[in-house]
């Protein structure tokens, strides 16, 4: 497989995607003054165009290796899917051409209303979903390339840590951090990132369940498995993915919390809510307007649970999409605050906010499973073939780099091939 022809093929797909997206933006921009929904579609197309351009730039600077056949096939598959989605939208739009420039304003408005009616009738929400799916598909293509490079993976970890650390500094200087007493969520997150082995976890990021979770309304995933199966590491991988996604679509809010046996200040529902509030507030460009009002109302005390929930809901509604990731529910003590934690999560789910997406992890414990009542099709078990792949990748790396295991190197493929 000729690397030059490969690069040319992929570059051709991105060029086609950029051109089609530009034509769609031009088409919808013609009508944005007449209809709010069309303005939203146009804005989402702008985000999609940004991802296409980033992908184009990445492909231009990347040299493919001979052992990357599978990577190339996946790239072609995902990019073809994204281009096909927007080409279908372009075909539909060609049925509606803007009236000639000498048409009166009323005629233009009638045409825009006709266009909107057609798309509403045919499924305006489906258009948004198709655009979002195309954007997520391209983001996946970027992740596939980045995951092949150890140095890039390390940079991704460092970038995520820097982003979270920056948020923590901002919180400290605002005075809100000290008042709200939100626990430091960077400790467990950075520890989980440090344990991640390059190239692992992609089975989950690429899975239909995760990709659907990114875009489905009010979506939920419960990731469960035995102790030590890598749930927290996989959780940190999902958080990194979301931060990368938000870099090309800044209207995304991301908040996370790690429960832990090791710190009693990170085991109850109040600590979780305070951490989530502070993270989302930091990501809004409004100088912590909501939290400042909260502080003004309750200082020197702190707000009760119902008020914390009220303000969390308020913050969630400020974003186009919000992703909340909660790790290790089982590390909230069963005989202590665990049931209250579960009740809070159920309350948040009961809001039915379409743009809110929740991912939780836990051991498979009866009280947690029965309380959350997450449908089977929204659960992911760590006893998955993807976990075997992660184990295999880790074993391969250790056999390649650990001098104490040199005697086993001749049997490397046999030992690591089936994920132990």
Protein backbone atom coordinates (compact mmCIF):
# COMPACT_ATOMS: atom_id res chain seq x y z
CA UNK A 1 0.00 0.00 0.00
CA UNK A 2 1.63 3.22 -1.24
CA UNK A 3 1.74 5.87 1.53
CA UNK A 4 1.54 8.68 -1.05
CA UNK A 5 -1.61 7.29 -2.64
CA UNK A 6 -3.08 6.74 0.83
CA UNK A 7 -2.39 10.32 1.85
CA UNK A 8 -3.85 11.55 -1.44
CA UNK A 9 -7.02 9.51 -0.98
CA UNK A 10 -7.60 10.74 2.57
CA UNK A 11 -6.75 14.31 1.61
CA UNK A 12 -9.28 14.04 -1.21
CA UNK A 13 -11.97 12.98 1.23
CA UNK A 14 -11.26 15.86 3.60
CA UNK A 15 -11.18 18.33 0.69
CA UNK A 16 -14.55 17.03 -0.51
CA UNK A 17 -15.92 17.26 3.02
CA UNK A 18 -14.73 20.87 3.38
CA UNK A 19 -16.24 21.87 0.04
CA UNK A 20 -19.60 20.23 0.76
CA UNK A 21 -19.74 21.76 4.25
CA UNK A 22 -18.92 25.21 2.85
CA UNK A 23 -21.73 24.87 0.32
CA UNK A 24 -24.15 23.89 3.09
CA UNK A 25 -23.07 26.84 5.23
CA UNK A 26 -23.59 29.16 2.27
CA UNK A 27 -27.02 27.66 1.63
CA UNK A 28 -28.29 27.88 5.21
CA UNK A 29 -26.73 31.31 5.79
CA UNK A 30 -29.09 32.64 3.15
CA UNK A 31 -32.00 31.98 5.49
CA UNK A 32 -30.63 32.47 9.01
CA UNK A 33 -32.46 35.76 9.42
CA UNK A 34 -35.81 34.08 8.90
CA UNK A 35 -35.56 31.08 11.21
CA UNK A 36 -33.87 30.30 14.55
CA UNK A 37 -33.64 26.56 13.90
CA UNK A 38 -31.73 27.20 10.68
CA UNK A 39 -29.31 29.45 12.58
CA UNK A 40 -28.62 26.54 14.92
CA UNK A 41 -27.93 24.21 11.99
CA UNK A 42 -25.60 26.79 10.46
CA UNK A 43 -23.69 27.09 13.74
CA UNK A 44 -23.32 23.31 13.97
CA UNK A 45 -22.04 23.23 10.39
CA UNK A 46 -19.39 25.78 11.38
CA UNK A 47 -18.23 23.36 14.08
CA UNK A 48 -18.14 20.53 11.55
CA UNK A 49 -16.06 22.64 9.16
CA UNK A 50 -13.54 23.30 11.95
CA UNK A 51 -13.12 19.56 12.52
CA UNK A 52 -12.65 18.93 8.78
CA UNK A 53 -9.94 21.59 8.66
CA UNK A 54 -8.14 20.24 11.71
CA UNK A 55 -8.24 16.77 10.19
CA UNK A 56 -6.92 18.12 6.90
CA UNK A 57 -4.05 19.84 8.66
CA UNK A 58 -3.25 16.70 10.67
CA UNK A 59 -3.21 14.52 7.55
CA UNK A 60 -0.96 17.00 5.75
CA UNK A 61 1.68 16.81 8.48
CA UNK A 62 1.49 13.07 9.18
CA UNK A 63 3.54 10.34 7.51
CA UNK A 64 1.83 6.94 7.52
CA UNK A 65 3.87 3.83 8.31
CA UNK A 66 3.73 0.44 6.61
CA UNK A 67 2.27 -1.20 9.73
CA UNK A 68 -0.71 1.17 9.84
CA UNK A 69 -2.93 -0.64 7.34
CA UNK A 70 -5.73 -1.17 9.87
CA UNK A 71 -5.54 2.46 10.94
CA UNK A 72 -5.82 3.63 7.33
CA UNK A 73 -8.81 1.39 6.66
CA UNK A 74 -10.60 2.75 9.71
CA UNK A 75 -9.77 6.33 8.73
CA UNK A 76 -11.21 5.81 5.26
CA UNK A 77 -14.31 4.15 6.68
CA UNK A 78 -15.07 6.90 9.19
CA UNK A 79 -14.27 9.75 6.82
CA UNK A 80 -16.41 8.24 4.04
CA UNK A 81 -19.27 7.92 6.51
CA UNK A 82 -18.98 11.58 7.56
CA UNK A 83 -18.83 12.82 3.95
CA UNK A 84 -21.80 10.65 2.99
CA UNK A 85 -23.90 12.12 5.81
CA UNK A 86 -23.35 15.70 4.68
CA UNK A 87 -23.69 14.81 0.99
CA UNK A 88 -27.16 13.46 1.76
CA UNK A 89 -27.99 16.77 3.39
CA UNK A 90 -26.58 18.64 0.37
CA UNK A 91 -28.75 16.59 -2.00
CA UNK A 92 -31.81 17.53 0.03
CA UNK A 93 -30.86 21.21 0.04
CA UNK A 94 -30.49 21.29 -3.74
CA UNK A 95 -34.27 20.94 -3.95
CA UNK A 96 -34.48 24.44 -2.53
CA UNK A 97 -32.67 27.21 -4.33
CA UNK A 98 -32.88 30.77 -3.06
CA UNK A 99 -35.20 32.95 -5.16
CA UNK A 100 -33.54 35.30 -7.67
CA UNK A 101 -31.95 38.44 -6.24
CA UNK A 102 -34.71 40.61 -7.67
CA UNK A 103 -37.39 38.76 -5.63
CA UNK A 104 -39.20 40.77 -3.03
CA UNK A 105 -38.50 40.19 0.67
CA UNK A 106 -41.87 38.59 1.21
CA UNK A 107 -41.13 35.92 -1.37
CA UNK A 108 -37.81 35.17 0.30
CA UNK A 109 -39.50 34.81 3.67
CA UNK A 110 -42.17 32.50 2.22
CA UNK A 111 -39.44 30.38 0.65
CA UNK A 112 -37.56 30.17 3.96
CA UNK A 113 -40.74 29.16 5.76
CA UNK A 114 -41.36 26.51 3.10
CA UNK A 115 -37.82 25.23 3.55
CA UNK A 116 -38.21 25.09 7.32
CA UNK A 117 -41.56 23.33 7.04
CA UNK A 118 -40.07 20.71 4.74
CA UNK A 119 -37.22 19.97 7.08
CA UNK A 120 -39.48 19.93 10.14
CA UNK A 121 -41.80 17.56 8.41
CA UNK A 122 -38.93 15.36 7.33
CA UNK A 123 -37.22 15.60 10.69
CA UNK A 124 -35.33 18.78 11.57
CA UNK A 125 -33.88 17.07 14.63
CA UNK A 126 -32.52 14.33 12.39
CA UNK A 127 -30.53 16.93 10.45
CA UNK A 128 -28.89 18.12 13.65
CA UNK A 129 -28.14 14.54 14.62
CA UNK A 130 -26.61 13.80 11.22
CA UNK A 131 -24.35 16.83 11.48
CA UNK A 132 -23.37 15.86 15.05
CA UNK A 133 -22.72 12.28 13.95
CA UNK A 134 -20.49 13.50 11.12
CA UNK A 135 -18.55 15.68 13.57
CA UNK A 136 -18.15 12.85 16.07
CA UNK A 137 -17.04 10.49 13.31
CA UNK A 138 -14.30 12.88 12.25
CA UNK A 139 -13.26 13.34 15.89
CA UNK A 140 -12.91 9.58 16.09
CA UNK A 141 -10.67 9.63 13.01
CA UNK A 142 -8.45 12.17 14.74
CA UNK A 143 -8.33 10.00 17.86
CA UNK A 144 -7.34 6.95 15.83
CA UNK A 145 -4.34 8.80 14.43
CA UNK A 146 -3.29 10.33 17.73
CA UNK A 147 -3.54 7.02 19.56
CA UNK A 148 -0.79 5.57 17.36
CA UNK A 149 1.78 8.01 18.58
CA UNK A 150 3.20 7.67 22.12
CA UNK A 151 4.39 11.22 22.20
CA UNK A 152 1.02 12.55 21.08
CA UNK A 153 -0.72 10.45 23.71
CA UNK A 154 1.56 11.93 26.38
CA UNK A 155 0.82 15.41 25.07
CA UNK A 156 -2.91 14.73 25.27
CA UNK A 157 -2.54 13.73 28.91
CA UNK A 158 -0.49 16.83 29.64
CA UNK A 159 -2.98 19.08 27.84
CA UNK A 160 -5.89 17.66 29.81
CA UNK A 161 -3.99 18.03 33.09
CA UNK A 162 -3.06 21.58 32.17
CA UNK A 163 -6.67 22.43 31.37
CA UNK A 164 -7.91 21.07 34.69
CA UNK A 165 -5.05 22.68 36.61
CA UNK A 166 -5.81 26.01 34.93
CA UNK A 167 -9.40 25.71 36.08
CA UNK A 168 -8.21 25.02 39.61
CA UNK A 169 -5.99 28.12 39.63
CA UNK A 170 -8.86 30.27 38.37
CA UNK A 171 -11.09 28.86 41.06
CA UNK A 172 -8.57 29.61 43.78
CA UNK A 173 -8.05 33.22 42.76
CA UNK A 174 -11.78 33.88 42.40
CA UNK A 175 -12.36 33.15 46.09
CA UNK A 176 -15.17 30.80 45.21
CA UNK A 177 -13.01 27.72 45.58
CA UNK A 178 -12.32 28.38 49.26
CA UNK A 179 -15.93 29.27 50.02
CA UNK A 180 -17.60 26.38 48.21
CA UNK A 181 -15.07 23.84 49.57
CA UNK A 182 -15.12 21.79 46.39
CA UNK A 183 -12.61 18.91 46.58
CA UNK A 184 -9.61 18.81 44.25
CA UNK A 185 -10.74 16.56 41.38
CA UNK A 186 -7.35 16.68 39.62
CA UNK A 187 -5.61 14.24 41.98
CA UNK A 188 -7.50 11.08 41.03
CA UNK A 189 -7.83 12.16 37.41
CA UNK A 190 -4.10 12.73 36.92
CA UNK A 191 -3.34 9.44 38.69
CA UNK A 192 -5.69 7.56 36.34
CA UNK A 193 -4.18 9.30 33.28
CA UNK A 194 -0.69 8.28 34.41
CA UNK A 195 -1.74 4.63 34.49
CA UNK A 196 -3.10 4.69 30.95
CA UNK A 197 -1.11 2.73 28.38
CA UNK A 198 -0.98 4.31 24.88
CA UNK A 199 -3.43 2.72 22.47
CA UNK A 200 -5.69 1.19 25.11
CA UNK A 201 -9.29 2.13 25.73
CA UNK A 202 -10.04 2.76 22.07
CA UNK A 203 -12.40 -0.23 21.99
CA UNK A 204 -14.71 1.77 24.24
CA UNK A 205 -14.29 5.11 22.43
CA UNK A 206 -15.02 3.38 19.11
CA UNK A 207 -17.97 1.35 20.39
CA UNK A 208 -21.49 2.06 19.06
CA UNK A 209 -22.69 2.47 22.65
CA UNK A 210 -20.22 5.30 23.41
CA UNK A 211 -20.70 7.03 20.06
CA UNK A 212 -24.47 6.95 20.57
CA UNK A 213 -24.07 8.28 24.09
CA UNK A 214 -22.30 11.36 22.71
CA UNK A 215 -25.35 12.44 20.72
CA UNK A 216 -28.47 10.73 22.08
CA UNK A 217 -30.79 12.90 24.14
CA UNK A 218 -30.54 12.47 27.94
CA UNK A 219 -28.14 9.55 27.39
CA UNK A 220 -26.67 7.40 30.16
CA UNK A 221 -23.90 4.79 30.33
CA UNK A 222 -23.17 2.60 33.35
CA UNK A 223 -19.71 1.04 32.97
CA UNK A 224 -19.31 -1.80 35.49
CA UNK A 225 -16.71 -4.42 36.28
CA UNK A 226 -14.71 -6.07 39.00
CA UNK A 227 -12.17 -4.24 41.17
CA UNK A 228 -8.95 -3.49 39.29
CA UNK A 229 -10.45 -4.05 35.84
CA UNK A 230 -9.45 -0.55 34.69
CA UNK A 231 -12.70 1.38 35.10
CA UNK A 232 -11.03 4.54 36.40
CA UNK A 233 -8.41 4.51 33.65
CA UNK A 234 -11.11 4.05 31.02
CA UNK A 235 -13.06 6.83 32.70
CA UNK A 236 -10.06 9.16 32.39
CA UNK A 237 -9.74 8.19 28.72
CA UNK A 238 -13.37 9.19 28.14
CA UNK A 239 -12.72 12.53 29.89
CA UNK A 240 -9.69 13.17 27.67
CA UNK A 241 -11.79 12.37 24.61
CA UNK A 242 -14.44 14.85 25.73
CA UNK A 243 -11.89 17.62 26.33
CA UNK A 244 -10.45 17.09 22.85
CA UNK A 245 -13.97 17.23 21.44
CA UNK A 246 -14.71 20.46 23.30
CA UNK A 247 -11.60 22.05 21.76
CA UNK A 248 -13.34 22.03 18.35
CA UNK A 249 -16.82 22.64 19.75
CA UNK A 250 -16.42 25.06 22.66
CA UNK A 251 -20.10 25.11 23.63
CA UNK A 252 -19.61 21.76 25.37
CA UNK A 253 -19.51 21.59 29.17
CA UNK A 254 -17.54 18.80 30.89
CA UNK A 255 -17.53 17.95 34.60
CA UNK A 256 -16.32 14.87 36.43
CA UNK A 257 -15.85 13.41 39.88
CA UNK A 258 -13.93 10.42 41.24
CA UNK A 259 -15.23 8.82 44.42
CA UNK A 260 -12.44 7.23 46.44
CA UNK A 261 -12.01 5.15 49.60
CA UNK A 262 -8.77 7.02 50.29
CA UNK A 263 -10.33 10.43 50.94
CA UNK A 264 -13.41 10.86 53.13
CA UNK A 265 -13.94 14.31 51.58
CA UNK A 266 -14.66 12.63 48.23
CA UNK A 267 -17.34 10.16 49.26
CA UNK A 268 -20.65 12.01 49.49
CA UNK A 269 -23.19 13.78 47.30
CA UNK A 270 -22.35 17.28 48.56
CA UNK A 271 -18.69 16.95 47.56
CA UNK A 272 -19.72 15.64 44.14
CA UNK A 273 -22.15 18.50 43.50
CA UNK A 274 -19.70 21.17 44.63
CA UNK A 275 -17.03 19.81 42.28
CA UNK A 276 -19.42 19.59 39.33
CA UNK A 277 -20.72 23.13 39.95
CA UNK A 278 -17.26 24.65 40.10
CA UNK A 279 -16.05 22.93 36.93
CA UNK A 280 -19.04 23.94 34.82
CA UNK A 281 -18.99 27.49 36.15
CA UNK A 282 -15.31 27.79 35.22
CA UNK A 283 -16.07 26.82 31.62
CA UNK A 284 -18.60 29.63 31.16
CA UNK A 285 -17.37 33.04 30.11
CA UNK A 286 -19.54 34.93 32.56
CA UNK A 287 -17.14 35.52 35.47
CA UNK A 288 -18.87 32.87 37.63
CA UNK A 289 -22.12 34.84 37.57
CA UNK A 290 -24.27 32.07 39.04
CA UNK A 291 -21.82 30.99 41.72
CA UNK A 292 -21.18 34.56 42.76
CA UNK A 293 -24.92 34.98 43.29
CA UNK A 294 -24.97 31.74 45.27
CA UNK A 295 -22.08 32.92 47.42
CA UNK A 296 -23.73 36.28 48.00
CA UNK A 297 -26.93 34.56 49.18
CA UNK A 298 -25.43 31.98 51.53
CA UNK A 299 -22.07 33.32 52.74
CA UNK A 300 -20.65 32.68 55.33
CA UNK A 301 -22.54 29.39 55.24
CA UNK A 302 -22.87 27.02 52.30
CA UNK A 303 -26.01 26.18 50.31
CA UNK A 304 -28.11 23.09 51.11
CA UNK A 305 -28.49 20.11 48.78
CA UNK A 306 -31.67 21.30 46.95
CA UNK A 307 -30.03 24.62 46.12
CA UNK A 308 -26.85 22.94 44.87
CA UNK A 309 -29.01 20.81 42.58
CA UNK A 310 -30.96 23.86 41.43
CA UNK A 311 -27.78 25.68 40.43
CA UNK A 312 -26.30 22.60 38.77
CA UNK A 313 -29.39 22.40 36.58
CA UNK A 314 -29.09 26.11 35.81
CA UNK A 315 -25.46 25.67 34.71
CA UNK A 316 -26.26 22.60 32.60
CA UNK A 317 -28.81 24.65 30.67
CA UNK A 318 -26.12 27.20 29.75
CA UNK A 319 -24.36 24.76 27.39
CA UNK A 320 -25.35 23.19 24.08
CA UNK A 321 -24.14 19.82 25.38
CA UNK A 322 -23.07 18.79 28.90
CA UNK A 323 -21.15 15.63 29.79
CA UNK A 324 -20.95 14.51 33.43
CA UNK A 325 -18.62 11.61 34.26
CA UNK A 326 -18.75 10.02 37.72
CA UNK A 327 -16.27 7.29 38.61
CA UNK A 328 -16.34 4.59 41.30
CA UNK A 329 -19.82 4.91 42.80
CA UNK A 330 -19.01 1.83 44.85
CA UNK A 331 -16.33 3.81 46.71
CA UNK A 332 -19.01 5.88 48.36
CA UNK A 333 -19.56 3.82 51.55
CA UNK A 334 -22.64 1.56 51.44
CA UNK A 335 -23.40 2.18 55.12
CA UNK A 336 -22.86 5.92 54.72
CA UNK A 337 -23.75 8.42 51.99
CA UNK A 338 -24.00 6.01 49.03
CA UNK A 339 -27.79 5.95 48.84
CA UNK A 340 -27.90 9.73 48.95
CA UNK A 341 -25.39 9.83 46.09
CA UNK A 342 -27.56 7.46 44.07
CA UNK A 343 -30.66 9.52 44.84
CA UNK A 344 -28.94 12.66 43.58
CA UNK A 345 -27.93 10.95 40.33
CA UNK A 346 -31.51 9.81 39.86
CA UNK A 347 -32.72 13.36 40.48
CA UNK A 348 -30.37 14.67 37.80
CA UNK A 349 -31.58 12.01 35.37
CA UNK A 350 -35.19 12.91 36.15
CA UNK A 351 -34.59 16.43 34.87
CA UNK A 352 -34.74 14.92 31.36
CA UNK A 353 -32.42 17.60 30.00
CA UNK A 354 -31.95 16.51 26.40
CA UNK A 355 -28.45 17.97 26.13
CA UNK A 356 -27.20 16.27 29.33
CA UNK A 357 -25.20 13.04 29.06
CA UNK A 358 -24.12 11.02 32.12
CA UNK A 359 -21.46 8.31 32.34
CA UNK A 360 -20.95 6.45 35.62
CA UNK A 361 -18.67 3.58 36.64
CA UNK A 362 -18.97 1.11 39.48
CA UNK A 363 -18.38 -2.42 40.61
CA UNK A 364 -21.37 -4.60 39.89
CA UNK A 365 -22.96 -4.17 43.32
CA UNK A 366 -26.67 -5.02 43.81
CA UNK A 367 -27.72 -1.84 45.62
CA UNK A 368 -26.17 0.38 42.93
CA UNK A 369 -27.57 -1.60 40.02
CA UNK A 370 -31.09 -1.78 41.49
CA UNK A 371 -31.15 1.88 42.49
CA UNK A 372 -29.97 3.29 39.16
CA UNK A 373 -32.09 0.92 37.06
CA UNK A 374 -30.03 1.57 33.94
CA UNK A 375 -31.42 -0.44 30.99
CA UNK A 376 -29.22 -3.28 29.74
CA UNK A 377 -28.58 -1.54 26.42
CA UNK A 378 -27.08 1.42 28.32
CA UNK A 379 -24.66 -0.72 30.33
CA UNK A 380 -21.12 -1.67 29.34
CA UNK A 381 -19.41 -4.58 31.08
CA UNK A 382 -15.64 -4.51 31.45
CA UNK A 383 -15.63 -8.24 30.64
CA UNK A 384 -15.53 -7.20 27.00
CA UNK A 385 -13.28 -8.36 24.18
CA UNK A 386 -11.91 -4.82 24.14
CA UNK A 387 -10.49 -5.33 27.62
CA UNK A 388 -8.56 -8.35 26.33
CA UNK A 389 -7.08 -6.08 23.67
CA UNK A 390 -6.00 -3.55 26.30
CA UNK A 391 -4.34 -6.29 28.36
CA UNK A 392 -2.58 -7.57 25.24
CA UNK A 393 -1.26 -4.09 24.41
CA UNK A 394 0.04 -3.67 27.95
CA UNK A 395 1.74 -7.07 27.99
CA UNK A 396 3.35 -6.38 24.61
CA UNK A 397 4.78 -3.13 25.90
CA UNK A 398 6.17 -4.71 29.06
CA UNK A 399 7.79 -7.52 27.08
CA UNK A 400 9.37 -4.94 24.77
CA UNK A 401 10.62 -2.55 27.46
CA UNK A 402 11.15 -4.47 30.73
CA UNK A 403 14.66 -5.91 30.82
CA UNK A 404 13.63 -8.46 33.43
CA UNK A 405 11.25 -10.02 30.89
CA UNK A 406 13.76 -10.40 28.05
CA UNK A 407 13.80 -14.17 28.31
CA UNK A 408 10.15 -14.20 27.27
CA UNK A 409 10.56 -11.88 24.29
CA UNK A 410 10.89 -14.75 21.80
CA UNK A 411 7.36 -15.82 22.75
CA UNK A 412 5.97 -12.27 22.68
CA UNK A 413 3.20 -12.91 20.13
CA UNK A 414 2.10 -16.11 21.84
CA UNK A 415 1.98 -14.53 25.30
CA UNK A 416 0.28 -11.27 24.32
CA UNK A 417 -1.68 -12.31 21.26
CA UNK A 418 -4.91 -13.39 23.00
CA UNK A 419 -4.88 -10.85 25.80
CA UNK A 420 -3.54 -13.48 28.24
